[in-house]
Amino acid sequence: MSGSASITIAQGSVFTDDGATWIDNIDGSGVILTATSGSVNTAVVGTYTLSYTYTDTAGNTGNIVTRTVNVVDGSVSVVT
């Protein structure tokens, strides 16, 4: 996996997926630019899971790696 397995971002911010990389003895190697499953809605506070996997030309599926993205309320409360 490229980047952290767990990320916390503020609600309404921009999420940039770091993706994942794969390597295969026959097919070579490459980059998975977007998650194979899952998505992140930065407008809604919550915990999102993104999964990444690669299937080679022979139909073999590699290990699934996951990233957790926590979207949190980024507003600051002011006490007076």
N, C-alpha and C. Protein backbone atom coordinates (compact mmCIF):
# COMPACT_ATOMS: atom_id res chain seq x y z
N MET A 1 0.84 -1.16 0.00
CA MET A 1 0.00 0.00 0.00
C MET A 1 0.89 1.24 0.00
N SER A 2 0.50 2.20 -0.78
CA SER A 2 1.21 3.48 -0.79
C SER A 2 0.58 4.37 0.27
N GLY A 3 1.39 5.00 1.10
CA GLY A 3 0.86 5.86 2.15
C GLY A 3 0.43 5.06 3.37
N SER A 4 -0.29 5.73 4.26
CA SER A 4 -0.71 5.12 5.53
C SER A 4 -1.92 4.22 5.37
N ALA A 5 -2.01 3.23 6.26
CA ALA A 5 -3.16 2.33 6.28
C ALA A 5 -4.36 2.98 6.97
N SER A 6 -4.10 4.03 7.75
CA SER A 6 -5.17 4.74 8.44
C SER A 6 -4.93 6.24 8.31
N ILE A 7 -5.97 6.96 7.88
CA ILE A 7 -5.86 8.40 7.65
C ILE A 7 -7.05 9.08 8.31
N THR A 8 -6.80 10.24 8.92
CA THR A 8 -7.88 11.06 9.47
C THR A 8 -7.85 12.40 8.76
N ILE A 9 -9.00 12.81 8.23
CA ILE A 9 -9.11 14.09 7.53
C ILE A 9 -10.33 14.84 8.04
N ALA A 10 -10.31 16.15 7.88
CA ALA A 10 -11.43 16.99 8.31
C ALA A 10 -12.55 16.93 7.30
N GLN A 11 -13.77 16.98 7.81
CA GLN A 11 -14.95 17.01 6.96
C GLN A 11 -14.86 18.17 5.98
N GLY A 12 -15.18 17.91 4.73
CA GLY A 12 -15.15 18.94 3.70
C GLY A 12 -13.80 19.14 3.04
N SER A 13 -12.77 18.48 3.55
CA SER A 13 -11.45 18.62 2.93
C SER A 13 -11.35 17.71 1.71
N VAL A 14 -10.27 17.85 0.98
CA VAL A 14 -10.05 17.04 -0.21
C VAL A 14 -9.26 15.80 0.18
N PHE A 15 -9.75 14.62 -0.21
CA PHE A 15 -9.05 13.36 0.03
C PHE A 15 -8.37 12.94 -1.26
N THR A 16 -7.07 12.70 -1.17
CA THR A 16 -6.32 12.19 -2.31
C THR A 16 -5.86 10.77 -2.00
N ASP A 17 -6.30 9.84 -2.81
CA ASP A 17 -5.98 8.43 -2.60
C ASP A 17 -4.55 8.15 -3.07
N ASP A 18 -3.73 7.61 -2.17
CA ASP A 18 -2.35 7.28 -2.52
C ASP A 18 -2.25 5.96 -3.28
N GLY A 19 -3.34 5.18 -3.33
CA GLY A 19 -3.37 3.95 -4.09
C GLY A 19 -2.51 2.85 -3.49
N ALA A 20 -2.17 1.89 -4.32
CA ALA A 20 -1.36 0.75 -3.90
C ALA A 20 -0.54 0.28 -5.10
N THR A 21 0.45 -0.54 -4.84
CA THR A 21 1.27 -1.10 -5.92
C THR A 21 1.11 -2.62 -5.94
N TRP A 22 1.39 -3.22 -7.08
CA TRP A 22 1.35 -4.67 -7.20
C TRP A 22 2.58 -5.14 -7.95
N ILE A 23 2.94 -6.40 -7.71
CA ILE A 23 4.06 -7.02 -8.43
C ILE A 23 3.71 -8.48 -8.68
N ASP A 24 4.02 -8.94 -9.88
CA ASP A 24 3.69 -10.30 -10.29
C ASP A 24 4.89 -10.87 -11.06
N ASN A 25 5.18 -12.15 -10.85
CA ASN A 25 6.33 -12.78 -11.52
C ASN A 25 6.22 -12.76 -13.04
N ILE A 26 5.01 -12.80 -13.57
CA ILE A 26 4.80 -12.84 -15.02
C ILE A 26 4.40 -11.47 -15.57
N ASP A 27 3.42 -10.83 -14.92
CA ASP A 27 2.86 -9.57 -15.42
C ASP A 27 3.73 -8.34 -15.15
N GLY A 28 4.67 -8.46 -14.24
CA GLY A 28 5.50 -7.31 -13.90
C GLY A 28 4.99 -6.60 -12.67
N SER A 29 4.88 -5.29 -12.75
CA SER A 29 4.42 -4.51 -11.60
C SER A 29 3.64 -3.30 -12.09
N GLY A 30 2.94 -2.68 -11.17
CA GLY A 30 2.16 -1.51 -11.53
C GLY A 30 1.57 -0.83 -10.32
N VAL A 31 0.71 0.13 -10.58
CA VAL A 31 0.09 0.93 -9.53
C VAL A 31 -1.42 0.85 -9.67
N ILE A 32 -2.08 0.68 -8.54
CA ILE A 32 -3.54 0.75 -8.48
C ILE A 32 -3.85 2.17 -8.02
N LEU A 33 -4.34 3.02 -8.92
CA LEU A 33 -4.53 4.44 -8.62
C LEU A 33 -5.77 4.73 -7.78
N THR A 34 -6.79 3.89 -7.91
CA THR A 34 -8.00 4.07 -7.12
C THR A 34 -8.38 2.74 -6.48
N ALA A 35 -9.10 2.82 -5.38
CA ALA A 35 -9.48 1.62 -4.65
C ALA A 35 -10.30 0.69 -5.53
N THR A 36 -10.09 -0.61 -5.34
CA THR A 36 -10.85 -1.62 -6.05
C THR A 36 -12.28 -1.63 -5.54
N SER A 37 -12.45 -1.35 -4.23
CA SER A 37 -13.80 -1.21 -3.67
C SER A 37 -13.78 -0.18 -2.56
N GLY A 38 -14.92 0.44 -2.35
CA GLY A 38 -15.06 1.46 -1.32
C GLY A 38 -14.88 2.85 -1.89
N SER A 39 -15.37 3.83 -1.14
CA SER A 39 -15.21 5.23 -1.52
C SER A 39 -15.28 6.08 -0.26
N VAL A 40 -14.87 7.34 -0.40
CA VAL A 40 -14.86 8.27 0.72
C VAL A 40 -15.72 9.47 0.37
N ASN A 41 -16.64 9.82 1.26
CA ASN A 41 -17.47 11.01 1.09
C ASN A 41 -17.02 12.01 2.15
N THR A 42 -16.19 12.97 1.77
CA THR A 42 -15.64 13.91 2.75
C THR A 42 -16.68 14.89 3.28
N ALA A 43 -17.87 14.90 2.69
CA ALA A 43 -18.94 15.77 3.18
C ALA A 43 -19.64 15.17 4.40
N VAL A 44 -19.44 13.87 4.62
CA VAL A 44 -20.15 13.17 5.69
C VAL A 44 -19.15 12.57 6.68
N VAL A 45 -19.30 12.95 7.97
CA VAL A 45 -18.44 12.39 9.01
C VAL A 45 -18.68 10.88 9.08
N GLY A 46 -17.58 10.12 9.17
CA GLY A 46 -17.71 8.67 9.27
C GLY A 46 -16.39 7.98 9.03
N THR A 47 -16.42 6.66 9.10
CA THR A 47 -15.24 5.84 8.84
C THR A 47 -15.48 5.09 7.54
N TYR A 48 -14.53 5.19 6.63
CA TYR A 48 -14.64 4.59 5.31
C TYR A 48 -13.49 3.61 5.11
N THR A 49 -13.78 2.48 4.47
CA THR A 49 -12.75 1.48 4.19
C THR A 49 -12.57 1.36 2.69
N LEU A 50 -11.32 1.48 2.26
CA LEU A 50 -10.95 1.31 0.86
C LEU A 50 -10.15 0.02 0.74
N SER A 51 -10.44 -0.78 -0.27
CA SER A 51 -9.72 -2.03 -0.49
C SER A 51 -9.03 -1.99 -1.85
N TYR A 52 -7.86 -2.62 -1.89
CA TYR A 52 -7.06 -2.66 -3.11
C TYR A 52 -6.63 -4.10 -3.37
N THR A 53 -6.77 -4.56 -4.60
CA THR A 53 -6.28 -5.88 -4.98
C THR A 53 -5.98 -5.87 -6.48
N TYR A 54 -5.23 -6.86 -6.91
CA TYR A 54 -4.87 -6.97 -8.32
C TYR A 54 -5.11 -8.40 -8.77
N THR A 55 -5.68 -8.57 -9.95
CA THR A 55 -5.85 -9.89 -10.55
C THR A 55 -4.96 -9.96 -11.78
N ASP A 56 -4.08 -10.98 -11.81
CA ASP A 56 -3.13 -11.08 -12.93
C ASP A 56 -3.81 -11.67 -14.17
N THR A 57 -3.07 -11.75 -15.26
CA THR A 57 -3.63 -12.21 -16.53
C THR A 57 -4.06 -13.68 -16.48
N ALA A 58 -3.54 -14.46 -15.52
CA ALA A 58 -3.95 -15.85 -15.36
C ALA A 58 -5.20 -15.98 -14.49
N GLY A 59 -5.68 -14.86 -13.94
CA GLY A 59 -6.87 -14.89 -13.10
C GLY A 59 -6.59 -15.06 -11.61
N ASN A 60 -5.32 -15.04 -11.23
CA ASN A 60 -4.96 -15.14 -9.82
C ASN A 60 -5.12 -13.79 -9.14
N THR A 61 -5.84 -13.79 -8.01
CA THR A 61 -6.05 -12.55 -7.27
C THR A 61 -5.05 -12.45 -6.14
N GLY A 62 -4.42 -11.29 -6.01
CA GLY A 62 -3.44 -11.06 -4.96
C GLY A 62 -4.10 -10.77 -3.63
N ASN A 63 -3.27 -10.53 -2.65
CA ASN A 63 -3.75 -10.16 -1.32
C ASN A 63 -4.56 -8.87 -1.39
N ILE A 64 -5.56 -8.78 -0.53
CA ILE A 64 -6.33 -7.55 -0.41
C ILE A 64 -5.72 -6.71 0.70
N VAL A 65 -5.43 -5.46 0.41
CA VAL A 65 -4.96 -4.53 1.43
C VAL A 65 -6.03 -3.46 1.61
N THR A 66 -6.14 -2.97 2.84
CA THR A 66 -7.20 -1.98 3.11
C THR A 66 -6.64 -0.73 3.77
N ARG A 67 -7.31 0.36 3.50
CA ARG A 67 -7.00 1.65 4.12
C ARG A 67 -8.28 2.15 4.79
N THR A 68 -8.15 2.64 6.02
CA THR A 68 -9.27 3.24 6.73
C THR A 68 -9.13 4.75 6.69
N VAL A 69 -10.19 5.42 6.27
CA VAL A 69 -10.19 6.87 6.22
C VAL A 69 -11.27 7.36 7.18
N ASN A 70 -10.85 8.10 8.19
CA ASN A 70 -11.77 8.67 9.16
C ASN A 70 -12.02 10.13 8.81
N VAL A 71 -13.27 10.45 8.49
CA VAL A 71 -13.65 11.84 8.22
C VAL A 71 -14.25 12.37 9.52
N VAL A 72 -13.63 13.41 10.07
CA VAL A 72 -14.04 13.94 11.37
C VAL A 72 -14.52 15.38 11.23
N ASP A 73 -15.31 15.81 12.20
CA ASP A 73 -15.79 17.18 12.25
C ASP A 73 -14.59 18.09 12.46
N GLY A 74 -14.29 18.91 11.49
CA GLY A 74 -13.11 19.77 11.55
C GLY A 74 -13.37 21.14 12.14
N SER A 75 -14.61 21.40 12.53
CA SER A 75 -14.91 22.71 13.08
C SER A 75 -14.37 22.81 14.50
N VAL A 76 -14.01 24.00 14.88
CA VAL A 76 -13.49 24.25 16.21
C VAL A 76 -14.56 24.95 17.03
N SER A 77 -14.83 24.43 18.20
CA SER A 77 -15.80 25.06 19.08
C SER A 77 -15.13 26.20 19.83
N VAL A 78 -15.87 27.27 20.04
CA VAL A 78 -15.36 28.41 20.78
C VAL A 78 -16.17 28.54 22.05
N VAL A 79 -15.49 28.54 23.19
CA VAL A 79 -16.14 28.69 24.49
C VAL A 79 -15.95 30.11 24.94
N THR A 80 -17.04 30.78 25.30
CA THR A 80 -16.91 32.16 25.78
C THR A 80 -17.42 32.29 27.20
